[in-house]
Amino acid sequence: MQYFKTHDSFDKNDFEDEIFHNSDVKESFQKFDTAYRMDNEIELAESFAISQQAVKKQARVFKSVLKLDKNFHVYIHGNRELIEQGVEADGRKFYKLYFSEES
């Protein structure tokens, strides 16, 4: 989201270089992009102007619902900085929620 907030235009190569610091992750994204285009038979623009109005609208709902496995939906309304994401030594993923009082 930060990329879209701080740039006036999107360039796929610039986006990949700035967001994906690990070359394996960058390569995985490129493979996903190619497969997605082929599976859906669509051609996506490699660059375009970014609408700040659309970015603001999307930022309000970005990750507002965490869908975890098939049995948990966590609705987030507020400060996302109070949520910590991590991975246990055994590979299980977790979220840690911080709050002042339960209501």
N, C-alpha and C. Protein backbone atom coordinates (compact mmCIF):
# COMPACT_ATOMS: atom_id res chain seq x y z
N MET A 1 0.83 -1.19 0.00
CA MET A 1 0.00 0.00 0.00
C MET A 1 0.88 1.26 0.00
N GLN A 2 2.00 1.18 0.72
CA GLN A 2 2.89 2.34 0.83
C GLN A 2 3.43 2.76 -0.54
N TYR A 3 3.71 1.79 -1.39
CA TYR A 3 4.20 2.10 -2.74
C TYR A 3 3.18 2.98 -3.47
N PHE A 4 1.91 2.61 -3.41
CA PHE A 4 0.87 3.36 -4.12
C PHE A 4 0.63 4.73 -3.50
N LYS A 5 0.85 4.85 -2.20
CA LYS A 5 0.68 6.14 -1.54
C LYS A 5 1.80 7.12 -1.90
N THR A 6 2.98 6.61 -2.21
CA THR A 6 4.14 7.49 -2.40
C THR A 6 4.56 7.66 -3.86
N HIS A 7 3.83 7.11 -4.79
CA HIS A 7 4.17 7.24 -6.21
C HIS A 7 2.99 7.78 -7.00
N ASP A 8 3.29 8.54 -8.06
CA ASP A 8 2.25 9.09 -8.93
C ASP A 8 1.87 8.12 -10.03
N SER A 9 2.80 7.21 -10.36
CA SER A 9 2.51 6.24 -11.41
C SER A 9 3.09 4.88 -11.00
N PHE A 10 2.48 3.85 -11.55
CA PHE A 10 2.92 2.48 -11.30
C PHE A 10 3.75 2.01 -12.47
N ASP A 11 4.90 1.45 -12.16
CA ASP A 11 5.74 0.79 -13.16
C ASP A 11 6.08 -0.58 -12.59
N LYS A 12 5.72 -1.63 -13.29
CA LYS A 12 5.87 -2.99 -12.78
C LYS A 12 7.30 -3.30 -12.37
N ASN A 13 8.27 -2.94 -13.20
CA ASN A 13 9.67 -3.23 -12.88
C ASN A 13 10.14 -2.45 -11.65
N ASP A 14 9.76 -1.19 -11.57
CA ASP A 14 10.10 -0.37 -10.41
C ASP A 14 9.45 -0.92 -9.14
N PHE A 15 8.18 -1.32 -9.26
CA PHE A 15 7.44 -1.90 -8.15
C PHE A 15 8.15 -3.16 -7.64
N GLU A 16 8.50 -4.04 -8.56
CA GLU A 16 9.18 -5.29 -8.17
C GLU A 16 10.50 -5.01 -7.46
N ASP A 17 11.28 -4.07 -8.01
CA ASP A 17 12.58 -3.74 -7.41
C ASP A 17 12.44 -3.13 -6.02
N GLU A 18 11.43 -2.28 -5.86
CA GLU A 18 11.25 -1.58 -4.59
C GLU A 18 10.60 -2.44 -3.52
N ILE A 19 9.68 -3.30 -3.89
CA ILE A 19 8.91 -4.08 -2.92
C ILE A 19 9.56 -5.42 -2.60
N PHE A 20 10.05 -6.11 -3.59
CA PHE A 20 10.58 -7.45 -3.38
C PHE A 20 12.10 -7.42 -3.30
N HIS A 21 12.62 -7.37 -2.10
CA HIS A 21 14.06 -7.27 -1.89
C HIS A 21 14.74 -8.62 -2.08
N ASN A 22 14.01 -9.69 -1.93
CA ASN A 22 14.53 -11.04 -2.09
C ASN A 22 14.28 -11.47 -3.53
N SER A 23 15.34 -11.90 -4.23
CA SER A 23 15.20 -12.26 -5.64
C SER A 23 14.27 -13.46 -5.85
N ASP A 24 14.21 -14.37 -4.87
CA ASP A 24 13.30 -15.52 -4.99
C ASP A 24 11.85 -15.07 -4.94
N VAL A 25 11.56 -14.12 -4.07
CA VAL A 25 10.19 -13.60 -3.95
C VAL A 25 9.82 -12.84 -5.22
N LYS A 26 10.76 -12.07 -5.73
CA LYS A 26 10.53 -11.32 -6.97
C LYS A 26 10.23 -12.28 -8.12
N GLU A 27 11.01 -13.33 -8.22
CA GLU A 27 10.81 -14.33 -9.28
C GLU A 27 9.46 -15.03 -9.11
N SER A 28 9.08 -15.33 -7.88
CA SER A 28 7.79 -15.96 -7.61
C SER A 28 6.65 -15.05 -8.04
N PHE A 29 6.77 -13.76 -7.75
CA PHE A 29 5.75 -12.79 -8.16
C PHE A 29 5.64 -12.75 -9.69
N GLN A 30 6.77 -12.75 -10.37
CA GLN A 30 6.76 -12.71 -11.83
C GLN A 30 6.10 -13.96 -12.42
N LYS A 31 6.36 -15.12 -11.82
CA LYS A 31 5.72 -16.35 -12.28
C LYS A 31 4.21 -16.30 -12.04
N PHE A 32 3.81 -15.79 -10.85
CA PHE A 32 2.39 -15.65 -10.55
C PHE A 32 1.73 -14.72 -11.57
N ASP A 33 2.38 -13.58 -11.85
CA ASP A 33 1.85 -12.60 -12.79
C ASP A 33 1.65 -13.24 -14.17
N THR A 34 2.62 -13.97 -14.64
CA THR A 34 2.52 -14.63 -15.95
C THR A 34 1.40 -15.66 -15.95
N ALA A 35 1.34 -16.48 -14.91
CA ALA A 35 0.30 -17.51 -14.83
C ALA A 35 -1.09 -16.88 -14.74
N TYR A 36 -1.23 -15.82 -13.95
CA TYR A 36 -2.52 -15.15 -13.79
C TYR A 36 -3.00 -14.60 -15.14
N ARG A 37 -2.11 -13.96 -15.86
CA ARG A 37 -2.47 -13.40 -17.17
C ARG A 37 -2.92 -14.51 -18.13
N MET A 38 -2.20 -15.61 -18.12
CA MET A 38 -2.53 -16.71 -19.03
C MET A 38 -3.84 -17.40 -18.62
N ASP A 39 -3.99 -17.67 -17.31
CA ASP A 39 -5.20 -18.36 -16.82
C ASP A 39 -6.46 -17.55 -17.06
N ASN A 40 -6.35 -16.23 -16.93
CA ASN A 40 -7.52 -15.36 -17.08
C ASN A 40 -7.62 -14.72 -18.45
N GLU A 41 -6.66 -15.03 -19.32
CA GLU A 41 -6.65 -14.52 -20.68
C GLU A 41 -6.84 -13.01 -20.73
N ILE A 42 -6.04 -12.32 -19.92
CA ILE A 42 -6.10 -10.85 -19.91
C ILE A 42 -4.69 -10.29 -20.05
N GLU A 43 -4.62 -9.09 -20.54
CA GLU A 43 -3.35 -8.38 -20.63
C GLU A 43 -3.43 -7.18 -19.70
N LEU A 44 -2.51 -7.11 -18.78
CA LEU A 44 -2.47 -6.02 -17.81
C LEU A 44 -1.39 -5.02 -18.20
N ALA A 45 -1.65 -3.75 -17.97
CA ALA A 45 -0.68 -2.70 -18.29
C ALA A 45 0.55 -2.82 -17.39
N GLU A 46 1.71 -2.60 -17.97
CA GLU A 46 2.97 -2.64 -17.21
C GLU A 46 3.18 -1.35 -16.41
N SER A 47 2.49 -0.29 -16.83
CA SER A 47 2.58 0.98 -16.11
C SER A 47 1.27 1.75 -16.30
N PHE A 48 0.94 2.57 -15.31
CA PHE A 48 -0.27 3.38 -15.37
C PHE A 48 -0.21 4.45 -14.29
N ALA A 49 -1.04 5.48 -14.44
CA ALA A 49 -1.13 6.55 -13.44
C ALA A 49 -1.88 6.03 -12.22
N ILE A 50 -1.43 6.42 -11.05
CA ILE A 50 -2.06 5.98 -9.80
C ILE A 50 -3.06 7.04 -9.36
N SER A 51 -4.28 6.64 -9.11
CA SER A 51 -5.32 7.53 -8.60
C SER A 51 -5.22 7.59 -7.08
N GLN A 52 -4.84 8.74 -6.54
CA GLN A 52 -4.71 8.88 -5.09
C GLN A 52 -6.06 8.72 -4.39
N GLN A 53 -7.13 9.09 -5.07
CA GLN A 53 -8.47 8.91 -4.51
C GLN A 53 -8.77 7.42 -4.34
N ALA A 54 -8.42 6.61 -5.33
CA ALA A 54 -8.62 5.17 -5.24
C ALA A 54 -7.73 4.56 -4.16
N VAL A 55 -6.51 5.06 -4.02
CA VAL A 55 -5.59 4.56 -3.00
C VAL A 55 -6.16 4.84 -1.61
N LYS A 56 -6.67 6.05 -1.39
CA LYS A 56 -7.26 6.39 -0.09
C LYS A 56 -8.46 5.51 0.23
N LYS A 57 -9.30 5.29 -0.77
CA LYS A 57 -10.48 4.46 -0.56
C LYS A 57 -10.08 3.02 -0.22
N GLN A 58 -9.11 2.49 -0.94
CA GLN A 58 -8.68 1.11 -0.71
C GLN A 58 -7.95 0.98 0.63
N ALA A 59 -7.21 2.00 1.02
CA ALA A 59 -6.46 1.95 2.28
C ALA A 59 -7.40 1.79 3.47
N ARG A 60 -8.61 2.32 3.36
CA ARG A 60 -9.57 2.21 4.46
C ARG A 60 -10.03 0.78 4.68
N VAL A 61 -10.08 -0.01 3.62
CA VAL A 61 -10.56 -1.37 3.75
C VAL A 61 -9.46 -2.41 3.64
N PHE A 62 -8.23 -1.95 3.43
CA PHE A 62 -7.10 -2.86 3.26
C PHE A 62 -6.92 -3.71 4.51
N LYS A 63 -7.03 -5.01 4.34
CA LYS A 63 -6.89 -5.96 5.45
C LYS A 63 -7.87 -5.67 6.58
N SER A 64 -9.09 -5.26 6.27
CA SER A 64 -10.05 -5.01 7.34
C SER A 64 -10.66 -6.31 7.85
N VAL A 65 -10.51 -7.39 7.09
CA VAL A 65 -10.95 -8.71 7.54
C VAL A 65 -9.81 -9.69 7.30
N LEU A 66 -9.35 -10.32 8.36
CA LEU A 66 -8.36 -11.38 8.25
C LEU A 66 -9.12 -12.70 8.16
N LYS A 67 -8.95 -13.42 7.07
CA LYS A 67 -9.60 -14.72 6.93
C LYS A 67 -8.52 -15.77 7.15
N LEU A 68 -8.62 -16.45 8.28
CA LEU A 68 -7.60 -17.40 8.69
C LEU A 68 -8.15 -18.81 8.60
N ASP A 69 -7.49 -19.64 7.82
CA ASP A 69 -7.95 -21.00 7.56
C ASP A 69 -9.41 -20.94 7.12
N LYS A 70 -10.23 -21.86 7.61
CA LYS A 70 -11.64 -21.85 7.23
C LYS A 70 -12.55 -21.53 8.41
N ASN A 71 -11.95 -21.34 9.59
CA ASN A 71 -12.80 -21.20 10.76
C ASN A 71 -12.63 -19.89 11.52
N PHE A 72 -11.82 -18.96 11.05
CA PHE A 72 -11.65 -17.70 11.76
C PHE A 72 -11.78 -16.52 10.80
N HIS A 73 -12.58 -15.54 11.17
CA HIS A 73 -12.63 -14.25 10.50
C HIS A 73 -12.45 -13.20 11.59
N VAL A 74 -11.41 -12.38 11.46
CA VAL A 74 -11.13 -11.34 12.44
C VAL A 74 -11.38 -10.00 11.75
N TYR A 75 -12.32 -9.23 12.28
CA TYR A 75 -12.66 -7.93 11.71
C TYR A 75 -11.85 -6.85 12.41
N ILE A 76 -11.19 -6.00 11.62
CA ILE A 76 -10.31 -4.98 12.16
C ILE A 76 -10.90 -3.60 11.85
N HIS A 77 -11.15 -2.85 12.89
CA HIS A 77 -11.65 -1.48 12.75
C HIS A 77 -10.79 -0.61 13.66
N GLY A 78 -9.76 -0.03 13.14
CA GLY A 78 -8.92 0.81 13.98
C GLY A 78 -7.45 0.67 13.67
N ASN A 79 -6.64 0.86 14.68
CA ASN A 79 -5.20 0.94 14.55
C ASN A 79 -4.58 -0.42 14.24
N ARG A 80 -4.13 -0.59 13.03
CA ARG A 80 -3.54 -1.87 12.62
C ARG A 80 -2.15 -2.07 13.21
N GLU A 81 -1.58 -1.02 13.78
CA GLU A 81 -0.27 -1.14 14.42
C GLU A 81 -0.36 -1.95 15.72
N LEU A 82 -1.56 -2.22 16.19
CA LEU A 82 -1.76 -3.02 17.39
C LEU A 82 -1.86 -4.51 17.07
N ILE A 83 -1.53 -4.86 15.83
CA ILE A 83 -1.56 -6.26 15.40
C ILE A 83 -0.15 -6.65 14.97
N GLU A 84 0.30 -7.75 15.51
CA GLU A 84 1.64 -8.24 15.17
C GLU A 84 1.50 -9.60 14.51
N GLN A 85 2.21 -9.80 13.42
CA GLN A 85 2.16 -11.06 12.69
C GLN A 85 3.49 -11.76 12.86
N GLY A 86 3.47 -13.09 12.99
CA GLY A 86 4.71 -13.83 13.13
C GLY A 86 4.57 -15.28 12.74
N VAL A 87 5.68 -16.00 12.87
CA VAL A 87 5.73 -17.42 12.55
C VAL A 87 6.46 -18.13 13.67
N GLU A 88 5.83 -19.20 14.19
CA GLU A 88 6.44 -20.01 15.23
C GLU A 88 7.61 -20.82 14.65
N ALA A 89 8.47 -21.35 15.52
CA ALA A 89 9.61 -22.15 15.09
C ALA A 89 9.17 -23.38 14.29
N ASP A 90 7.97 -23.90 14.60
CA ASP A 90 7.48 -25.09 13.90
C ASP A 90 6.76 -24.75 12.59
N GLY A 91 6.73 -23.46 12.22
CA GLY A 91 6.14 -23.05 10.95
C GLY A 91 4.71 -22.54 11.04
N ARG A 92 4.06 -22.70 12.21
CA ARG A 92 2.69 -22.19 12.35
C ARG A 92 2.73 -20.66 12.37
N LYS A 93 1.77 -20.06 11.71
CA LYS A 93 1.67 -18.60 11.66
C LYS A 93 0.76 -18.12 12.77
N PHE A 94 0.98 -16.87 13.23
CA PHE A 94 0.13 -16.31 14.27
C PHE A 94 -0.02 -14.81 14.13
N TYR A 95 -1.07 -14.29 14.74
CA TYR A 95 -1.29 -12.85 14.91
C TYR A 95 -1.36 -12.60 16.41
N LYS A 96 -0.76 -11.53 16.86
CA LYS A 96 -0.83 -11.10 18.24
C LYS A 96 -1.59 -9.78 18.26
N LEU A 97 -2.65 -9.70 19.06
CA LEU A 97 -3.49 -8.49 19.14
C LEU A 97 -3.24 -7.79 20.47
N TYR A 98 -3.00 -6.49 20.43
CA TYR A 98 -2.81 -5.69 21.62
C TYR A 98 -4.04 -4.80 21.84
N PHE A 99 -4.51 -4.69 23.08
CA PHE A 99 -5.67 -3.83 23.35
C PHE A 99 -5.59 -3.34 24.80
N SER A 100 -6.33 -2.25 25.08
CA SER A 100 -6.34 -1.66 26.42
C SER A 100 -7.40 -2.30 27.31
N GLU A 101 -8.59 -2.50 26.75
CA GLU A 101 -9.66 -3.12 27.52
C GLU A 101 -10.61 -3.88 26.61
N GLU A 102 -11.21 -4.92 27.12
CA GLU A 102 -12.16 -5.72 26.37
C GLU A 102 -13.54 -5.10 26.51
N SER A 103 -14.28 -5.03 25.40
CA SER A 103 -15.61 -4.44 25.52
C SER A 103 -16.68 -5.40 25.04
